[in-house]
N, C-alpha and C. Protein backbone atom coordinates (compact mmCIF):
# COMPACT_ATOMS: atom_id res chain seq x y z
N UNK A 1 -37.00 -46.28 29.72
CA UNK A 1 -35.59 -46.36 29.73
C UNK A 1 -35.64 -45.57 27.87
N UNK A 2 -35.95 -46.31 27.23
CA UNK A 2 -36.18 -45.97 25.72
C UNK A 2 -36.47 -44.36 25.41
N UNK A 3 -37.80 -44.15 25.84
CA UNK A 3 -37.74 -42.44 26.21
C UNK A 3 -36.51 -41.42 26.66
N UNK A 4 -36.12 -41.93 27.90
CA UNK A 4 -35.10 -41.23 27.95
C UNK A 4 -33.88 -41.28 27.55
N UNK A 5 -33.75 -41.77 26.89
CA UNK A 5 -32.38 -41.85 25.83
C UNK A 5 -32.51 -41.07 24.59
N UNK A 6 -33.62 -41.41 24.03
CA UNK A 6 -34.38 -40.08 23.00
C UNK A 6 -34.48 -39.25 23.74
N UNK A 7 -34.83 -38.79 24.50
CA UNK A 7 -34.90 -37.34 25.08
C UNK A 7 -33.41 -36.34 25.55
N UNK A 8 -32.62 -37.82 25.65
CA UNK A 8 -30.91 -36.94 26.24
C UNK A 8 -30.31 -37.00 24.31
N UNK A 9 -30.77 -37.74 23.65
CA UNK A 9 -30.45 -37.86 22.05
C UNK A 9 -30.65 -36.37 21.72
N UNK A 10 -31.89 -36.08 21.70
CA UNK A 10 -32.58 -34.84 21.27
C UNK A 10 -31.70 -33.60 22.19
N UNK A 11 -31.45 -33.73 23.37
CA UNK A 11 -30.89 -32.24 24.15
C UNK A 11 -29.32 -32.48 23.15
N UNK A 12 -29.00 -33.76 23.17
CA UNK A 12 -27.66 -33.78 22.90
C UNK A 12 -27.75 -32.99 21.46
N UNK A 13 -28.41 -33.05 20.86
CA UNK A 13 -28.24 -32.50 19.26
C UNK A 13 -28.58 -31.04 19.37
N UNK A 14 -29.63 -30.71 20.13
CA UNK A 14 -29.93 -29.31 20.71
C UNK A 14 -28.34 -28.32 20.47
N UNK A 15 -28.00 -29.19 21.73
CA UNK A 15 -26.44 -28.48 22.16
C UNK A 15 -25.22 -28.69 21.59
N UNK A 16 -25.12 -29.70 20.89
CA UNK A 16 -24.18 -29.34 19.46
C UNK A 16 -24.69 -28.12 18.68
N UNK A 17 -25.53 -28.07 18.39
CA UNK A 17 -25.92 -27.08 17.52
C UNK A 17 -25.75 -25.67 17.81
N UNK A 18 -26.27 -25.58 19.54
CA UNK A 18 -25.62 -24.21 20.09
C UNK A 18 -24.46 -24.14 20.08
N UNK A 19 -23.59 -25.14 20.43
CA UNK A 19 -22.26 -24.82 20.51
C UNK A 19 -21.64 -24.39 19.01
N UNK A 20 -22.15 -25.00 17.99
CA UNK A 20 -21.42 -24.54 16.96
C UNK A 20 -21.86 -23.16 16.75
N UNK A 21 -22.99 -22.86 16.76
CA UNK A 21 -23.27 -21.51 16.69
C UNK A 21 -22.68 -20.41 17.52
N UNK A 22 -22.37 -20.90 18.40
CA UNK A 22 -21.23 -20.16 19.22
C UNK A 22 -19.99 -19.63 18.61
N UNK A 23 -19.39 -21.15 18.42
CA UNK A 23 -18.01 -21.29 17.71
C UNK A 23 -18.23 -20.43 16.25
N UNK A 24 -19.12 -20.46 15.61
CA UNK A 24 -19.55 -19.57 14.11
C UNK A 24 -19.35 -17.83 14.47
N UNK A 25 -20.03 -17.71 15.67
CA UNK A 25 -19.64 -16.54 15.96
C UNK A 25 -18.90 -15.73 16.71
N UNK A 26 -17.86 -16.76 17.77
CA UNK A 26 -16.42 -16.44 17.64
C UNK A 26 -15.74 -16.10 16.47
N UNK A 27 -15.84 -17.10 15.81
CA UNK A 27 -14.96 -17.03 14.50
C UNK A 27 -15.34 -15.84 13.40
N UNK A 28 -16.41 -14.94 13.35
CA UNK A 28 -16.99 -14.23 12.87
C UNK A 28 -16.56 -12.60 13.57
N UNK A 29 -16.44 -12.97 15.23
CA UNK A 29 -15.84 -11.77 15.66
C UNK A 29 -14.23 -11.69 15.11
N UNK A 30 -13.66 -12.60 15.96
CA UNK A 30 -11.97 -12.87 15.53
C UNK A 30 -11.39 -12.26 14.11
N UNK A 31 -12.83 -12.24 12.94
CA UNK A 31 -12.03 -11.90 11.75
C UNK A 31 -12.19 -10.39 11.30
N UNK A 32 -13.06 -9.65 12.32
CA UNK A 32 -13.11 -8.44 12.09
C UNK A 32 -12.08 -7.65 12.18
N UNK A 33 -11.11 -7.62 12.90
CA UNK A 33 -10.11 -7.44 12.80
C UNK A 33 -8.60 -8.19 12.93
N UNK A 34 -7.42 -7.76 12.68
CA UNK A 34 -6.48 -8.60 12.74
C UNK A 34 -5.14 -7.56 13.18
N UNK A 35 -4.63 -7.97 14.24
CA UNK A 35 -3.69 -6.96 15.06
C UNK A 35 -2.18 -7.86 14.69
N UNK A 36 -1.32 -7.25 14.06
CA UNK A 36 -0.58 -8.51 13.97
C UNK A 36 1.12 -6.92 14.01
N UNK A 37 2.60 -7.31 13.99
CA UNK A 37 3.48 -6.64 13.82
C UNK A 37 4.21 -6.66 12.68
N UNK A 38 4.76 -5.74 12.27
CA UNK A 38 5.70 -5.95 11.37
C UNK A 38 7.06 -5.11 11.20
N UNK A 39 7.93 -6.03 11.07
CA UNK A 39 9.69 -5.59 11.06
C UNK A 39 10.33 -6.66 12.12
N UNK A 40 11.50 -6.24 12.25
CA UNK A 40 12.19 -7.01 12.94
C UNK A 40 12.63 -7.82 11.81
N UNK A 41 13.51 -9.18 12.38
CA UNK A 41 14.18 -10.10 11.76
C UNK A 41 13.44 -10.76 11.06
N UNK A 42 12.00 -11.28 11.72
CA UNK A 42 11.54 -12.50 11.55
C UNK A 42 10.33 -12.27 10.45
N UNK A 43 9.41 -10.51 10.62
CA UNK A 43 8.55 -10.37 10.19
C UNK A 43 8.70 -9.29 9.09
N UNK A 44 10.10 -8.80 8.58
CA UNK A 44 10.29 -7.87 8.14
C UNK A 44 9.60 -7.20 6.85
N UNK A 45 9.22 -8.40 6.23
CA UNK A 45 8.45 -8.06 4.66
C UNK A 45 6.59 -8.16 4.92
N UNK A 46 6.27 -8.40 6.39
CA UNK A 46 5.12 -8.71 6.18
C UNK A 46 3.86 -7.64 5.96
N UNK A 47 4.44 -6.54 6.41
CA UNK A 47 3.63 -5.43 5.92
C UNK A 47 3.42 -4.87 4.46
N UNK A 48 4.72 -5.17 4.09
CA UNK A 48 5.10 -5.03 2.17
C UNK A 48 4.06 -5.68 1.79
N UNK A 49 4.12 -7.44 2.02
CA UNK A 49 3.24 -8.20 1.42
C UNK A 49 1.98 -8.04 1.45
N UNK A 50 1.12 -7.18 2.72
CA UNK A 50 0.14 -7.30 2.78
C UNK A 50 -0.42 -6.39 2.37
N UNK A 51 0.62 -4.95 1.58
CA UNK A 51 0.19 -3.57 1.35
C UNK A 51 0.34 -4.20 -0.44
N UNK A 52 1.31 -4.96 -0.86
CA UNK A 52 1.34 -5.53 -2.21
C UNK A 52 -0.25 -6.31 -2.77
N UNK A 53 -0.42 -7.26 -2.01
CA UNK A 53 -2.03 -7.88 -2.07
C UNK A 53 -2.65 -6.96 -2.12
N UNK A 54 -2.97 -6.00 -1.15
CA UNK A 54 -4.13 -5.43 -1.11
C UNK A 54 -4.38 -4.25 -2.60
N UNK A 55 -3.06 -3.87 -2.96
CA UNK A 55 -3.11 -3.01 -4.04
C UNK A 55 -3.26 -3.99 -5.13
N UNK A 56 -2.52 -4.79 -5.80
CA UNK A 56 -3.11 -5.53 -6.71
C UNK A 56 -4.00 -6.40 -6.98
N UNK A 57 -5.00 -6.49 -5.68
CA UNK A 57 -5.94 -7.34 -5.94
C UNK A 57 -7.53 -6.28 -5.67
N UNK A 58 -6.86 -5.33 -5.61
CA UNK A 58 -8.48 -4.18 -5.94
C UNK A 58 -8.62 -4.13 -7.30
N UNK A 59 -10.32 -3.93 -7.24
CA UNK A 59 -11.11 -3.82 -8.52
C UNK A 59 -11.69 -2.75 -8.91
N UNK A 60 -11.89 -1.84 -7.81
CA UNK A 60 -12.35 -0.98 -8.11
C UNK A 60 -11.47 0.72 -7.56
N UNK A 61 -12.00 0.92 -6.58
CA UNK A 61 -11.06 2.41 -5.90
C UNK A 61 -10.23 1.74 -5.08
N UNK A 62 -8.95 2.45 -5.09
CA UNK A 62 -8.06 2.06 -3.81
C UNK A 62 -7.67 3.69 -3.26
N UNK A 63 -7.77 3.74 -1.88
CA UNK A 63 -7.38 5.01 -1.37
C UNK A 63 -6.46 4.76 -0.21
N UNK A 64 -5.55 5.84 -0.32
CA UNK A 64 -4.25 6.04 0.31
C UNK A 64 -4.07 7.51 1.27
N UNK A 65 -3.78 6.87 2.34
CA UNK A 65 -3.25 8.18 3.42
C UNK A 65 -1.69 7.75 3.54
N UNK A 66 -0.80 8.52 3.28
CA UNK A 66 0.74 8.09 3.25
C UNK A 66 1.41 9.75 3.33
N UNK A 67 2.22 9.73 4.35
CA UNK A 67 3.52 11.08 4.28
C UNK A 67 3.82 11.17 3.12
N UNK A 68 4.38 10.19 2.35
CA UNK A 68 5.31 9.92 1.16
C UNK A 68 5.03 8.75 0.59
N UNK A 69 5.54 8.70 -0.58
CA UNK A 69 5.44 7.07 -1.34
C UNK A 69 6.83 6.94 -2.08
N UNK A 70 7.16 5.88 -1.85
CA UNK A 70 8.62 5.88 -2.59
C UNK A 70 8.45 5.05 -4.18
N UNK A 71 9.48 4.76 -4.75
CA UNK A 71 9.70 4.77 -6.25
C UNK A 71 8.95 3.40 -6.58
N UNK A 72 9.21 2.47 -5.38
CA UNK A 72 8.46 0.97 -5.67
C UNK A 72 6.69 0.71 -5.54
N UNK A 73 6.52 1.84 -4.68
CA UNK A 73 4.95 1.77 -4.46
C UNK A 73 4.33 2.70 -5.67
N UNK A 74 5.14 3.87 -6.02
CA UNK A 74 4.44 4.65 -7.15
C UNK A 74 4.36 3.71 -8.57
N UNK A 75 5.14 2.70 -8.66
CA UNK A 75 5.31 2.16 -10.02
C UNK A 75 3.84 1.02 -10.11
N UNK A 76 3.85 0.60 -8.66
CA UNK A 76 2.50 -0.44 -8.33
C UNK A 76 1.28 0.71 -8.54
N UNK A 77 1.66 1.51 -7.97
CA UNK A 77 -0.10 2.64 -8.14
C UNK A 77 -0.18 2.88 -9.83
N UNK A 78 1.10 3.23 -10.21
CA UNK A 78 0.83 3.64 -11.51
C UNK A 78 -0.11 2.57 -12.56
N UNK A 79 0.93 0.92 -12.46
CA UNK A 79 0.13 -0.23 -13.07
C UNK A 79 -1.85 -0.29 -12.59
N UNK A 80 -1.56 0.20 -11.37
CA UNK A 80 -3.04 -0.10 -10.76
C UNK A 80 -3.91 0.80 -11.87
N UNK A 81 -3.53 1.95 -11.73
CA UNK A 81 -4.25 3.34 -12.82
C UNK A 81 -4.47 2.58 -14.27
N UNK A 82 -3.30 2.23 -14.54
CA UNK A 82 -3.52 1.83 -16.05
C UNK A 82 -4.28 0.74 -16.28
N UNK A 83 -4.73 0.10 -14.98
CA UNK A 83 -6.15 -1.10 -15.36
C UNK A 83 -6.75 0.11 -15.62
N UNK A 84 -7.25 1.50 -15.08
CA UNK A 84 -8.38 2.09 -15.27
C UNK A 84 -9.38 2.13 -13.70
N UNK A 85 -8.31 1.39 -12.75
CA UNK A 85 -9.13 1.72 -11.40
C UNK A 85 -8.24 2.65 -10.85
N UNK A 86 -9.12 3.98 -10.18
CA UNK A 86 -9.05 5.60 -9.62
C UNK A 86 -8.15 4.89 -8.34
N UNK A 87 -7.45 6.15 -7.92
CA UNK A 87 -6.69 6.15 -6.85
C UNK A 87 -6.73 7.70 -6.40
N UNK A 88 -7.09 7.73 -4.98
CA UNK A 88 -6.92 8.91 -4.25
C UNK A 88 -6.04 8.35 -3.58
N UNK A 89 -5.14 9.92 -3.22
CA UNK A 89 -4.06 9.40 -2.38
C UNK A 89 -4.36 11.15 -1.49
N UNK A 90 -4.14 10.83 -0.44
CA UNK A 90 -3.85 11.60 0.65
C UNK A 90 -2.42 11.72 1.15
N UNK A 91 -1.27 12.65 1.07
CA UNK A 91 -0.47 13.26 1.50
C UNK A 91 -0.02 14.58 1.84
N UNK A 92 1.42 14.76 2.28
CA UNK A 92 1.67 15.81 2.95
C UNK A 92 1.70 16.63 1.27
N UNK A 93 2.26 18.06 1.98
CA UNK A 93 2.25 18.93 0.98
C UNK A 93 3.70 18.66 0.10
N UNK A 94 3.51 19.02 -1.27
CA UNK A 94 5.00 18.46 -1.77
C UNK A 94 6.18 19.23 -1.09
N UNK A 95 6.18 20.53 -0.13
CA UNK A 95 7.43 21.48 0.45
C UNK A 95 7.64 20.31 1.31
N UNK A 96 6.54 19.77 1.81
CA UNK A 96 6.90 19.04 3.52
C UNK A 96 7.14 17.51 3.11
N UNK A 97 7.49 17.14 1.87
CA UNK A 97 7.94 15.80 1.34
C UNK A 97 9.31 15.70 1.25
N UNK A 98 10.35 14.74 1.76
CA UNK A 98 11.99 15.04 1.31
C UNK A 98 12.40 15.34 0.05
N UNK A 99 12.94 15.74 -0.15
CA UNK A 99 13.79 15.98 -1.59
C UNK A 99 13.69 14.92 -2.31
N UNK A 100 14.48 13.86 -1.78
CA UNK A 100 14.47 12.74 -2.85
C UNK A 100 13.00 12.26 -3.18
N UNK A 101 11.99 12.50 -2.33
CA UNK A 101 10.85 12.20 -2.92
C UNK A 101 9.81 13.16 -3.66
N UNK A 102 10.32 14.48 -3.68
CA UNK A 102 9.40 14.89 -4.82
C UNK A 102 9.31 14.67 -5.95
N UNK A 103 10.36 14.04 -6.68
CA UNK A 103 10.13 13.42 -8.05
C UNK A 103 9.15 12.28 -8.47
N UNK A 104 9.14 11.82 -7.22
CA UNK A 104 7.80 10.47 -7.25
C UNK A 104 6.62 11.42 -7.42
N UNK A 105 6.65 12.24 -6.34
CA UNK A 105 4.87 12.74 -6.04
C UNK A 105 4.82 13.45 -7.27
N UNK A 106 5.53 14.12 -8.05
CA UNK A 106 5.61 15.07 -9.08
C UNK A 106 4.81 13.63 -10.38
N UNK A 107 5.83 12.77 -10.47
CA UNK A 107 5.35 11.83 -11.26
C UNK A 107 3.86 11.09 -10.96
N UNK A 108 3.97 10.97 -9.74
CA UNK A 108 2.05 10.65 -9.56
C UNK A 108 1.02 11.76 -9.89
N UNK A 109 1.63 12.71 -9.61
CA UNK A 109 0.98 13.73 -9.48
C UNK A 109 0.13 13.72 -11.00
N UNK A 110 0.71 13.58 -12.02
CA UNK A 110 0.51 13.90 -13.42
C UNK A 110 0.01 12.31 -14.21
N UNK A 111 -0.07 11.02 -13.01
CA UNK A 111 -0.53 10.21 -13.65
C UNK A 111 -1.97 10.49 -13.97
N UNK A 112 -2.34 9.94 -14.87
CA UNK A 112 -4.36 9.73 -14.95
C UNK A 112 -4.53 8.84 -14.15
N UNK A 113 -5.26 8.85 -13.94
CA UNK A 113 -6.30 8.19 -12.64
C UNK A 113 -5.93 8.08 -11.21
N UNK A 114 -4.91 9.12 -11.02
CA UNK A 114 -4.09 9.17 -9.68
C UNK A 114 -4.69 10.55 -9.30
N UNK A 115 -5.19 10.53 -8.12
CA UNK A 115 -5.74 12.21 -7.79
C UNK A 115 -4.99 12.15 -6.41
N UNK A 116 -3.77 13.48 -6.24
CA UNK A 116 -3.45 13.41 -4.92
C UNK A 116 -4.15 14.75 -4.40
N UNK A 117 -4.44 14.70 -3.07
CA UNK A 117 -5.07 16.00 -2.03
C UNK A 117 -4.28 16.22 -1.16
N UNK A 118 -3.36 17.18 -0.89
CA UNK A 118 -2.77 17.70 0.13
C UNK A 118 -3.28 18.02 1.60
N UNK A 119 -2.80 17.53 2.33
CA UNK A 119 -3.19 17.71 3.49
C UNK A 119 -1.95 17.52 4.77
N UNK A 120 -1.55 18.73 5.24
CA UNK A 120 -0.34 18.76 5.96
C UNK A 120 -0.39 17.91 7.64
N UNK A 121 -1.70 17.57 7.58
CA UNK A 121 -1.65 16.45 9.00
C UNK A 121 -1.46 15.17 8.90
N UNK A 122 -1.20 14.46 7.62
CA UNK A 122 -0.99 13.17 7.50
C UNK A 122 0.80 12.87 8.28
N UNK A 123 0.30 11.76 9.04
CA UNK A 123 1.05 11.05 9.73
C UNK A 123 1.32 9.44 10.11
N UNK A 124 0.14 8.91 9.56
CA UNK A 124 0.52 7.24 9.35
C UNK A 124 -0.16 6.97 8.35
N UNK A 125 0.31 5.30 7.83
CA UNK A 125 -0.53 4.87 6.69
C UNK A 125 -1.73 4.23 7.02
N UNK A 126 -2.22 4.42 5.77
CA UNK A 126 -3.71 3.83 5.25
C UNK A 126 -4.19 3.57 3.64
N UNK A 127 -4.16 2.00 4.10
CA UNK A 127 -4.70 1.80 2.37
C UNK A 127 -5.77 1.17 2.61
N UNK A 128 -6.75 1.62 1.61
CA UNK A 128 -8.09 0.37 1.67
C UNK A 128 -8.93 0.77 0.46
N UNK A 129 -9.47 -0.69 -0.17
CA UNK A 129 -10.49 -0.44 -0.80
C UNK A 129 -11.86 -0.88 -0.38
N UNK A 130 -12.80 -1.35 -1.23
CA UNK A 130 -14.01 -1.80 -0.46
C UNK A 130 -13.77 -3.07 0.21
N UNK A 131 -13.13 -3.89 0.07
CA UNK A 131 -12.90 -5.14 0.97
C UNK A 131 -11.80 -4.96 2.09
N UNK A 132 -11.22 -4.33 1.48
CA UNK A 132 -9.99 -4.34 3.11
C UNK A 132 -9.15 -3.18 3.13
N UNK A 133 -9.04 -2.85 4.57
CA UNK A 133 -8.16 -1.83 4.88
C UNK A 133 -7.18 -2.06 5.90
N UNK A 134 -5.80 -1.82 5.86
CA UNK A 134 -4.64 -1.65 6.35
C UNK A 134 -4.21 -0.31 7.06
N UNK A 135 -3.77 -0.51 8.37
CA UNK A 135 -3.56 0.94 9.27
C UNK A 135 -2.62 0.76 9.45
N UNK A 136 -1.21 1.55 9.61
CA UNK A 136 -0.18 1.59 10.54
C UNK A 136 0.58 2.76 10.49
N UNK A 137 1.25 2.78 11.20
CA UNK A 137 2.68 4.29 10.99
C UNK A 137 3.31 3.67 10.15
N UNK A 138 4.18 4.86 9.53
CA UNK A 138 5.28 4.83 8.68
C UNK A 138 4.38 5.50 7.50
N UNK A 139 5.24 4.91 6.29
CA UNK A 139 4.77 5.56 5.05
C UNK A 139 4.80 4.69 3.90
N UNK A 140 4.08 4.72 2.84
CA UNK A 140 4.41 3.76 1.76
C UNK A 140 5.81 4.12 0.94
N UNK A 141 6.64 3.20 2.15
CA UNK A 141 8.20 3.35 1.62
C UNK A 141 8.52 1.82 1.82
N UNK A 142 8.72 1.08 0.56
CA UNK A 142 9.23 -0.07 1.07
C UNK A 142 10.11 0.02 2.09
N UNK A 143 11.60 0.37 1.92
CA UNK A 143 12.14 0.01 2.67
C UNK A 143 12.36 0.59 4.01
N UNK A 144 11.58 1.59 4.24
CA UNK A 144 11.22 2.06 5.74
C UNK A 144 10.28 1.18 6.60
N UNK A 145 9.54 0.67 5.68
CA UNK A 145 8.61 -0.29 6.31
C UNK A 145 9.45 -1.67 6.68
N UNK A 146 10.25 -1.98 5.68
CA UNK A 146 11.17 -3.46 5.99
C UNK A 146 11.54 -3.11 7.52
N UNK A 147 12.38 -1.87 7.75
CA UNK A 147 12.99 -1.42 8.93
C UNK A 147 12.73 -1.22 10.05
N UNK A 148 11.23 -0.99 10.08
CA UNK A 148 10.70 -0.08 10.79
C UNK A 148 9.67 -1.56 11.64
N UNK A 149 9.69 -1.69 13.08
CA UNK A 149 8.88 -2.58 13.69
C UNK A 149 7.37 -1.61 13.40
N UNK A 150 6.45 -2.19 13.45
CA UNK A 150 5.29 -1.40 13.48
C UNK A 150 4.08 -2.22 13.96
N UNK A 151 3.00 -1.69 14.51
CA UNK A 151 1.83 -2.24 14.79
C UNK A 151 1.10 -2.34 13.34
N UNK A 152 -0.01 -3.17 12.88
CA UNK A 152 -0.25 -3.15 11.71
C UNK A 152 -2.00 -3.81 12.22
N UNK A 153 -2.76 -3.28 11.72
CA UNK A 153 -4.40 -3.34 12.00
C UNK A 153 -4.76 -3.36 10.75
N UNK A 154 -5.69 -4.68 10.25
CA UNK A 154 -5.88 -5.07 9.17
C UNK A 154 -7.61 -5.50 9.13
N UNK A 155 -8.38 -4.99 8.54
CA UNK A 155 -9.86 -5.48 8.57
C UNK A 155 -10.18 -5.52 7.49
N UNK A 156 -11.41 -6.69 7.38
CA UNK A 156 -12.36 -6.74 5.89
C UNK A 156 -13.50 -6.71 6.37
N UNK A 157 -14.17 -6.34 7.50
CA UNK A 157 -15.43 -6.41 7.79
C UNK A 157 -15.94 -4.97 7.23
N UNK A 158 -17.06 -4.96 6.61
CA UNK A 158 -17.18 -3.74 5.70
C UNK A 158 -18.15 -2.58 6.39
N UNK A 159 -18.96 -2.77 7.44
CA UNK A 159 -18.80 -1.57 8.52
C UNK A 159 -18.14 -0.86 9.19
N UNK A 160 -16.86 -1.69 9.15
CA UNK A 160 -15.49 -0.80 9.92
C UNK A 160 -15.10 -0.35 8.84
N UNK A 161 -14.75 -0.97 7.62
CA UNK A 161 -14.67 -0.05 5.88
C UNK A 161 -15.59 0.94 5.73
N UNK A 162 -16.35 1.12 5.67
CA UNK A 162 -17.39 2.25 5.88
C UNK A 162 -17.20 3.27 6.92
N UNK A 163 -16.98 2.79 8.07
CA UNK A 163 -16.08 3.61 9.36
C UNK A 163 -14.74 4.38 8.64
N UNK A 164 -13.67 3.68 8.76
CA UNK A 164 -12.79 3.98 7.64
C UNK A 164 -12.86 5.39 6.42
N UNK A 165 -13.72 4.72 5.63
CA UNK A 165 -14.09 5.67 4.36
C UNK A 165 -14.58 7.12 4.96
N UNK A 166 -15.44 7.05 6.10
CA UNK A 166 -15.96 8.06 6.76
C UNK A 166 -14.70 8.75 7.38
N UNK A 167 -13.93 8.33 7.94
CA UNK A 167 -12.66 9.33 8.46
C UNK A 167 -11.88 9.63 7.33
N UNK A 168 -11.69 8.81 6.39
CA UNK A 168 -11.30 9.35 5.12
C UNK A 168 -11.34 10.35 4.29
N UNK A 169 -12.86 10.85 4.50
CA UNK A 169 -13.67 11.49 3.66
C UNK A 169 -13.37 12.79 4.69
N UNK A 170 -13.23 12.86 6.01
CA UNK A 170 -13.33 14.03 6.56
C UNK A 170 -11.56 15.03 6.76
N UNK A 171 -10.61 13.90 5.82
CA UNK A 171 -9.29 14.74 5.56
C UNK A 171 -9.88 15.34 4.35
N UNK A 172 -10.78 15.17 3.50
CA UNK A 172 -10.69 15.62 2.06
C UNK A 172 -11.15 16.91 2.01
N UNK A 173 -10.69 17.84 1.22
CA UNK A 173 -11.10 19.54 1.12
C UNK A 173 -12.98 19.03 1.13
N UNK A 174 -13.48 20.09 2.06
CA UNK A 174 -14.42 20.62 1.88
C UNK A 174 -15.48 19.91 0.53
N UNK A 175 -15.34 20.90 -0.49
CA UNK A 175 -15.69 20.69 -1.78
C UNK A 175 -15.83 19.11 -2.25
N UNK A 176 -14.99 18.09 -1.33
CA UNK A 176 -14.79 16.48 -1.96
C UNK A 176 -15.54 15.61 -1.25
N UNK A 177 -16.29 16.55 -0.41
CA UNK A 177 -16.72 15.68 0.85
C UNK A 177 -18.42 14.95 0.37
N UNK A 178 -18.40 15.30 -0.61
CA UNK A 178 -20.02 14.51 -1.27
C UNK A 178 -20.06 13.22 -0.65
N UNK A 179 -21.06 12.65 -0.26
CA UNK A 179 -21.69 11.45 0.16
C UNK A 179 -21.94 10.44 -0.88
């Protein structure tokens, strides 16, 4: 009887380890993407908070795709550029940006450390660095994001961020597409 109890204990330990391994794998898979919503009365600041956290935590390079950028975010971007962190922005041509955003565009364009690339096909919001990416509809405009109900996709998984960087690279002019 004692041998059988020892066998069952060993089997029980093995099963516990297998269950723990499966739980770890599930947790890892769940962490690849976060699908959330922003807007409405309860989550109106959610996307703005995620974006500010991403911008302020960037330590190497920040890349942005946005149809337009408001004054609030331009100040945050200029602060980051002052720290020596390069920023690459893909946005609409100046002529396609609403008049009240053109002065902000001009200010960002002349800021050292911020490079702006024009692309007439910008229709979404993407902000990412080497550690995290945030994708959504809308623009980098605090009030617009606060009022809109949007689906927000976030990831911190490095292979997904590399894929996003490849898509970003395809939006650049051909002379800037070096690997």
